[in-house]
């Protein structure tokens, strides 16, 4: 007769593992039913976000697929700079120096836009702009009627009424007045009736 005093975490017992496997199979069935894993008819190898259907650029795809190589290069660089002695008899960089991040691109960088500074120093940033979405999808091989889409104004503000920073355009009222009365003869005397209103500006 023996006494088993080994400890097993409740997440690692047989029933819990079986439950997790069953849950994974159900999730996989749902993904297959919606065609998530179907091969792209265009033959594109660009990664696609399952939730948002956003397609990664070539740079982001390479960064995600080769993340392990990037980490391995950083480890090798760490050993070469901090552990291997040079001809002078000591490493080229102190061991305690902080490590720099790889800053690998991810899906969160798909719609990053370079910051542009205007004359007043305000930072303009188009957040997840529609036009950028369409171009990325078009480059990924999907069918997009760009000729039809580009016939419409795709800007955050109507460019005829406001500047890109959101400020309304300043115009000359005299020019507007000329356009409003163009082709209209102004009588010398205006006959008014009940309920009439006359507005005189200037």
C-alpha atoms as a PDB file:
ATOM      1  CA  UNK A   1       0.000   0.000   0.000  1.00  0.00           C
ATOM      2  CA  UNK A   2       1.427   3.355  -1.100  1.00  0.00           C
ATOM      3  CA  UNK A   3       0.481   6.940  -0.415  1.00  0.00           C
ATOM      4  CA  UNK A   4       0.360   9.333  -3.365  1.00  0.00           C
ATOM      5  CA  UNK A   5       1.105  12.812  -2.095  1.00  0.00           C
ATOM      6  CA  UNK A   6       1.611  14.465  -5.492  1.00  0.00           C
ATOM      7  CA  UNK A   7      -0.248  17.719  -6.087  1.00  0.00           C
ATOM      8  CA  UNK A   8      -2.145  18.395  -9.314  1.00  0.00           C
ATOM      9  CA  UNK A   9      -3.593  21.765 -10.181  1.00  0.00           C
ATOM     10  CA  UNK A  10      -7.326  21.684 -10.847  1.00  0.00           C
ATOM     11  CA  UNK A  11      -6.744  23.099 -14.334  1.00  0.00           C
ATOM     12  CA  UNK A  12      -4.557  20.085 -15.206  1.00  0.00           C
ATOM     13  CA  UNK A  13      -6.843  17.228 -14.212  1.00  0.00           C
ATOM     14  CA  UNK A  14      -8.297  14.896 -16.815  1.00  0.00           C
ATOM     15  CA  UNK A  15     -11.880  16.197 -16.752  1.00  0.00           C
ATOM     16  CA  UNK A  16     -10.775  19.824 -17.149  1.00  0.00           C
ATOM     17  CA  UNK A  17      -8.490  18.952 -20.067  1.00  0.00           C
ATOM     18  CA  UNK A  18     -11.333  17.078 -21.750  1.00  0.00           C
ATOM     19  CA  UNK A  19     -13.641  20.050 -21.252  1.00  0.00           C
ATOM     20  CA  UNK A  20     -11.067  22.411 -22.770  1.00  0.00           C
ATOM     21  CA  UNK A  21     -10.604  20.112 -25.771  1.00  0.00           C
ATOM     22  CA  UNK A  22     -14.355  19.948 -26.357  1.00  0.00           C
ATOM     23  CA  UNK A  23     -14.592  23.735 -26.194  1.00  0.00           C
ATOM     24  CA  UNK A  24     -11.757  24.127 -28.688  1.00  0.00           C
ATOM     25  CA  UNK A  25     -13.456  21.734 -31.101  1.00  0.00           C
ATOM     26  CA  UNK A  26     -16.721  23.675 -30.908  1.00  0.00           C
ATOM     27  CA  UNK A  27     -14.931  26.955 -31.591  1.00  0.00           C
ATOM     28  CA  UNK A  28     -13.108  25.348 -34.515  1.00  0.00           C
ATOM     29  CA  UNK A  29     -16.395  24.069 -35.951  1.00  0.00           C
ATOM     30  CA  UNK A  30     -17.879  27.570 -35.814  1.00  0.00           C
ATOM     31  CA  UNK A  31     -14.854  29.082 -37.565  1.00  0.00           C
ATOM     32  CA  UNK A  32     -14.999  26.419 -40.278  1.00  0.00           C
ATOM     33  CA  UNK A  33     -18.725  26.984 -40.747  1.00  0.00           C
ATOM     34  CA  UNK A  34     -18.125  30.668 -41.474  1.00  0.00           C
ATOM     35  CA  UNK A  35     -15.288  29.878 -43.878  1.00  0.00           C
ATOM     36  CA  UNK A  36     -12.538  31.503 -41.850  1.00  0.00           C
ATOM     37  CA  UNK A  37      -9.932  28.952 -42.937  1.00  0.00           C
ATOM     38  CA  UNK A  38     -10.949  28.751 -46.591  1.00  0.00           C
ATOM     39  CA  UNK A  39      -8.114  29.390 -49.004  1.00  0.00           C
ATOM     40  CA  UNK A  40      -8.177  32.804 -50.632  1.00  0.00           C
ATOM     41  CA  UNK A  41      -9.214  32.512 -54.264  1.00  0.00           C
ATOM     42  CA  UNK A  42      -6.727  35.205 -55.218  1.00  0.00           C
ATOM     43  CA  UNK A  43      -3.833  33.197 -53.808  1.00  0.00           C
ATOM     44  CA  UNK A  44      -2.824  36.048 -51.541  1.00  0.00           C
ATOM     45  CA  UNK A  45      -0.627  35.213 -48.546  1.00  0.00           C
ATOM     46  CA  UNK A  46      -1.433  38.422 -46.679  1.00  0.00           C
ATOM     47  CA  UNK A  47      -2.686  37.921 -43.131  1.00  0.00           C
ATOM     48  CA  UNK A  48      -6.269  38.858 -42.275  1.00  0.00           C
ATOM     49  CA  UNK A  49      -7.791  39.768 -38.929  1.00  0.00           C
ATOM     50  CA  UNK A  50     -10.594  37.303 -38.153  1.00  0.00           C
ATOM     51  CA  UNK A  51     -12.651  39.824 -36.161  1.00  0.00           C
ATOM     52  CA  UNK A  52     -12.339  43.000 -38.256  1.00  0.00           C
ATOM     53  CA  UNK A  53     -11.436  41.475 -41.659  1.00  0.00           C
ATOM     54  CA  UNK A  54      -8.610  44.009 -41.917  1.00  0.00           C
ATOM     55  CA  UNK A  55      -5.730  42.875 -44.102  1.00  0.00           C
ATOM     56  CA  UNK A  56      -2.155  43.439 -42.999  1.00  0.00           C
ATOM     57  CA  UNK A  57       0.369  45.135 -45.237  1.00  0.00           C
ATOM     58  CA  UNK A  58       3.394  43.250 -46.539  1.00  0.00           C
ATOM     59  CA  UNK A  59       5.599  44.815 -43.858  1.00  0.00           C
ATOM     60  CA  UNK A  60       3.244  43.823 -41.033  1.00  0.00           C
ATOM     61  CA  UNK A  61       2.838  40.310 -42.452  1.00  0.00           C
ATOM     62  CA  UNK A  62       6.601  39.793 -42.557  1.00  0.00           C
ATOM     63  CA  UNK A  63       6.992  41.191 -39.033  1.00  0.00           C
ATOM     64  CA  UNK A  64       4.373  38.804 -37.608  1.00  0.00           C
ATOM     65  CA  UNK A  65       5.503  35.700 -39.482  1.00  0.00           C
ATOM     66  CA  UNK A  66       9.177  36.242 -38.661  1.00  0.00           C
ATOM     67  CA  UNK A  67       8.826  37.475 -35.078  1.00  0.00           C
ATOM     68  CA  UNK A  68      10.905  34.548 -33.781  1.00  0.00           C
ATOM     69  CA  UNK A  69      13.795  35.453 -36.073  1.00  0.00           C
ATOM     70  CA  UNK A  70      13.684  39.038 -34.870  1.00  0.00           C
ATOM     71  CA  UNK A  71      13.858  37.877 -31.256  1.00  0.00           C
ATOM     72  CA  UNK A  72      16.704  35.490 -32.040  1.00  0.00           C
ATOM     73  CA  UNK A  73      18.694  38.308 -33.630  1.00  0.00           C
ATOM     74  CA  UNK A  74      18.194  40.419 -30.524  1.00  0.00           C
ATOM     75  CA  UNK A  75      19.478  37.589 -28.308  1.00  0.00           C
ATOM     76  CA  UNK A  76      22.540  37.137 -30.516  1.00  0.00           C
ATOM     77  CA  UNK A  77      23.196  40.863 -30.448  1.00  0.00           C
ATOM     78  CA  UNK A  78      22.920  40.825 -26.646  1.00  0.00           C
ATOM     79  CA  UNK A  79      25.582  38.111 -26.361  1.00  0.00           C
ATOM     80  CA  UNK A  80      27.906  39.754 -28.865  1.00  0.00           C
ATOM     81  CA  UNK A  81      27.770  43.202 -27.266  1.00  0.00           C
ATOM     82  CA  UNK A  82      27.633  42.353 -23.545  1.00  0.00           C
ATOM     83  CA  UNK A  83      29.168  38.910 -22.984  1.00  0.00           C
ATOM     84  CA  UNK A  84      31.842  38.432 -25.640  1.00  0.00           C
ATOM     85  CA  UNK A  85      35.089  40.236 -24.969  1.00  0.00           C
ATOM     86  CA  UNK A  86      36.633  42.378 -27.668  1.00  0.00           C
ATOM     87  CA  UNK A  87      40.331  42.803 -28.413  1.00  0.00           C
ATOM     88  CA  UNK A  88      40.503  45.367 -25.624  1.00  0.00           C
ATOM     89  CA  UNK A  89      39.553  42.650 -23.131  1.00  0.00           C
ATOM     90  CA  UNK A  90      36.024  43.752 -22.230  1.00  0.00           C
ATOM     91  CA  UNK A  91      32.592  43.745 -23.945  1.00  0.00           C
ATOM     92  CA  UNK A  92      31.642  46.628 -26.218  1.00  0.00           C
ATOM     93  CA  UNK A  93      28.580  47.498 -24.124  1.00  0.00           C
ATOM     94  CA  UNK A  94      27.951  47.301 -20.341  1.00  0.00           C
ATOM     95  CA  UNK A  95      25.833  44.338 -19.259  1.00  0.00           C
ATOM     96  CA  UNK A  96      23.425  46.537 -17.257  1.00  0.00           C
ATOM     97  CA  UNK A  97      22.500  48.844 -20.148  1.00  0.00           C
ATOM     98  CA  UNK A  98      18.740  48.818 -20.869  1.00  0.00           C
ATOM     99  CA  UNK A  99      17.496  46.678 -23.731  1.00  0.00           C
ATOM    100  CA  UNK A 100      15.837  48.308 -26.714  1.00  0.00           C
ATOM    101  CA  UNK A 101      12.484  46.990 -27.875  1.00  0.00           C
ATOM    102  CA  UNK A 102      12.073  45.431 -31.291  1.00  0.00           C
ATOM    103  CA  UNK A 103       8.915  47.475 -31.916  1.00  0.00           C
ATOM    104  CA  UNK A 104       7.564  44.843 -34.265  1.00  0.00           C
ATOM    105  CA  UNK A 105       4.612  45.837 -36.421  1.00  0.00           C
ATOM    106  CA  UNK A 106       1.205  44.324 -35.596  1.00  0.00           C
ATOM    107  CA  UNK A 107      -2.399  44.713 -36.759  1.00  0.00           C
ATOM    108  CA  UNK A 108      -2.664  47.809 -34.568  1.00  0.00           C
ATOM    109  CA  UNK A 109      -0.265  49.529 -36.995  1.00  0.00           C
ATOM    110  CA  UNK A 110      -2.383  48.868 -40.090  1.00  0.00           C
ATOM    111  CA  UNK A 111      -3.930  52.332 -40.123  1.00  0.00           C
ATOM    112  CA  UNK A 112      -1.081  54.344 -38.643  1.00  0.00           C
ATOM    113  CA  UNK A 113      -0.738  57.672 -40.427  1.00  0.00           C
ATOM    114  CA  UNK A 114       2.401  59.846 -40.306  1.00  0.00           C
ATOM    115  CA  UNK A 115       1.794  62.926 -38.177  1.00  0.00           C
ATOM    116  CA  UNK A 116       1.732  66.173 -40.110  1.00  0.00           C
ATOM    117  CA  UNK A 117       2.281  69.537 -38.443  1.00  0.00           C
ATOM    118  CA  UNK A 118       0.397  72.501 -39.883  1.00  0.00           C
ATOM    119  CA  UNK A 119       1.427  76.138 -39.605  1.00  0.00           C
ATOM    120  CA  UNK A 120      -0.252  76.527 -36.210  1.00  0.00           C
ATOM    121  CA  UNK A 121       1.486  73.479 -34.767  1.00  0.00           C
ATOM    122  CA  UNK A 122      -1.640  71.338 -34.530  1.00  0.00           C
ATOM    123  CA  UNK A 123      -1.148  67.637 -35.140  1.00  0.00           C
ATOM    124  CA  UNK A 124      -3.421  66.156 -37.753  1.00  0.00           C
ATOM    125  CA  UNK A 125      -4.027  62.436 -37.725  1.00  0.00           C
ATOM    126  CA  UNK A 126      -6.544  60.529 -39.832  1.00  0.00           C
ATOM    127  CA  UNK A 127      -7.648  57.636 -37.608  1.00  0.00           C
ATOM    128  CA  UNK A 128      -8.537  54.515 -39.585  1.00  0.00           C
ATOM    129  CA  UNK A 129      -9.484  56.489 -42.663  1.00  0.00           C
ATOM    130  CA  UNK A 130     -11.850  54.889 -45.127  1.00  0.00           C
ATOM    131  CA  UNK A 131      -9.623  55.530 -48.115  1.00  0.00           C
ATOM    132  CA  UNK A 132      -6.666  53.792 -46.502  1.00  0.00           C
ATOM    133  CA  UNK A 133      -8.833  50.772 -45.689  1.00  0.00           C
ATOM    134  CA  UNK A 134      -9.934  50.501 -49.303  1.00  0.00           C
ATOM    135  CA  UNK A 135      -6.422  50.762 -50.696  1.00  0.00           C
ATOM    136  CA  UNK A 136      -5.081  48.061 -48.362  1.00  0.00           C
ATOM    137  CA  UNK A 137      -7.970  45.743 -49.244  1.00  0.00           C
ATOM    138  CA  UNK A 138      -7.445  46.482 -52.955  1.00  0.00           C
ATOM    139  CA  UNK A 139      -3.741  45.659 -52.721  1.00  0.00           C
ATOM    140  CA  UNK A 140      -4.660  42.448 -50.896  1.00  0.00           C
ATOM    141  CA  UNK A 141      -6.460  41.187 -53.976  1.00  0.00           C
ATOM    142  CA  UNK A 142     -10.086  41.884 -53.131  1.00  0.00           C
ATOM    143  CA  UNK A 143     -12.468  43.322 -55.693  1.00  0.00           C
ATOM    144  CA  UNK A 144     -12.917  47.025 -55.023  1.00  0.00           C
ATOM    145  CA  UNK A 145     -14.481  49.478 -57.484  1.00  0.00           C
ATOM    146  CA  UNK A 146     -12.079  52.332 -56.821  1.00  0.00           C
ATOM    147  CA  UNK A 147     -13.288  54.343 -59.821  1.00  0.00           C
ATOM    148  CA  UNK A 148     -16.792  54.485 -58.360  1.00  0.00           C
ATOM    149  CA  UNK A 149     -15.596  55.163 -54.811  1.00  0.00           C
ATOM    150  CA  UNK A 150     -13.142  57.905 -55.752  1.00  0.00           C
ATOM    151  CA  UNK A 151     -15.925  59.867 -57.447  1.00  0.00           C
ATOM    152  CA  UNK A 152     -17.093  60.858 -53.974  1.00  0.00           C
ATOM    153  CA  UNK A 153     -15.415  63.126 -51.455  1.00  0.00           C
ATOM    154  CA  UNK A 154     -13.498  61.034 -48.918  1.00  0.00           C
ATOM    155  CA  UNK A 155     -12.357  63.641 -46.434  1.00  0.00           C
ATOM    156  CA  UNK A 156     -13.103  64.168 -42.731  1.00  0.00           C
ATOM    157  CA  UNK A 157     -14.581  67.610 -43.512  1.00  0.00           C
ATOM    158  CA  UNK A 158     -16.234  69.138 -46.614  1.00  0.00           C
ATOM    159  CA  UNK A 159     -13.270  70.870 -48.199  1.00  0.00           C
ATOM    160  CA  UNK A 160     -15.517  73.553 -49.724  1.00  0.00           C
ATOM    161  CA  UNK A 161     -16.701  74.694 -46.279  1.00  0.00           C
ATOM    162  CA  UNK A 162     -13.861  73.970 -43.857  1.00  0.00           C
ATOM    163  CA  UNK A 163     -10.112  73.579 -43.581  1.00  0.00           C
ATOM    164  CA  UNK A 164      -8.539  70.183 -42.840  1.00  0.00           C
ATOM    165  CA  UNK A 165      -8.051  71.210 -39.204  1.00  0.00           C
ATOM    166  CA  UNK A 166     -11.811  71.701 -38.800  1.00  0.00           C
ATOM    167  CA  UNK A 167     -11.903  75.503 -38.927  1.00  0.00           C
ATOM    168  CA  UNK A 168     -14.555  77.022 -41.168  1.00  0.00           C
ATOM    169  CA  UNK A 169     -13.303  78.742 -44.275  1.00  0.00           C
ATOM    170  CA  UNK A 170     -13.455  82.540 -44.149  1.00  0.00           C
ATOM    171  CA  UNK A 171     -14.994  84.104 -47.233  1.00  0.00           C
ATOM    172  CA  UNK A 172     -15.973  87.553 -48.478  1.00  0.00           C
ATOM    173  CA  UNK A 173     -19.619  88.393 -47.918  1.00  0.00           C
ATOM    174  CA  UNK A 174     -19.540  90.814 -50.825  1.00  0.00           C
ATOM    175  CA  UNK A 175     -18.862  87.987 -53.252  1.00  0.00           C
ATOM    176  CA  UNK A 176     -21.708  85.976 -51.749  1.00  0.00           C
ATOM    177  CA  UNK A 177     -24.053  88.944 -52.046  1.00  0.00           C
ATOM    178  CA  UNK A 178     -23.164  89.384 -55.707  1.00  0.00           C
ATOM    179  CA  UNK A 179     -23.995  85.741 -56.368  1.00  0.00           C
ATOM    180  CA  UNK A 180     -27.311  85.956 -54.520  1.00  0.00           C
ATOM    181  CA  UNK A 181     -28.571  88.970 -56.487  1.00  0.00           C
ATOM    182  CA  UNK A 182     -27.123  87.966 -59.837  1.00  0.00           C
ATOM    183  CA  UNK A 183     -29.803  88.271 -62.519  1.00  0.00           C
ATOM    184  CA  UNK A 184     -32.282  89.932 -60.148  1.00  0.00           C
ATOM    185  CA  UNK A 185     -33.512  93.458 -60.798  1.00  0.00           C
ATOM    186  CA  UNK A 186     -33.835  95.450 -57.595  1.00  0.00           C
ATOM    187  CA  UNK A 187     -36.850  97.813 -57.802  1.00  0.00           C
ATOM    188  CA  UNK A 188     -36.569 101.380 -56.601  1.00  0.00           C
ATOM    189  CA  UNK A 189     -39.596 101.010 -54.375  1.00  0.00           C
ATOM    190  CA  UNK A 190     -40.673  97.807 -52.702  1.00  0.00           C
ATOM    191  CA  UNK A 191     -44.345  97.226 -52.135  1.00  0.00           C
ATOM    192  CA  UNK A 192     -44.948  95.301 -48.967  1.00  0.00           C
ATOM    193  CA  UNK A 193     -47.962  93.282 -47.956  1.00  0.00           C
ATOM    194  CA  UNK A 194     -49.073  91.892 -44.647  1.00  0.00           C
ATOM    195  CA  UNK A 195     -46.581  89.516 -43.062  1.00  0.00           C
ATOM    196  CA  UNK A 196     -43.698  90.667 -45.255  1.00  0.00           C
ATOM    197  CA  UNK A 197     -40.159  90.962 -43.890  1.00  0.00           C
ATOM    198  CA  UNK A 198     -37.351  93.058 -45.294  1.00  0.00           C
ATOM    199  CA  UNK A 199     -33.746  92.428 -44.274  1.00  0.00           C
ATOM    200  CA  UNK A 200     -31.204  95.164 -45.007  1.00  0.00           C
ATOM    201  CA  UNK A 201     -27.527  94.355 -44.441  1.00  0.00           C
ATOM    202  CA  UNK A 202     -24.936  97.130 -44.301  1.00  0.00           C
END
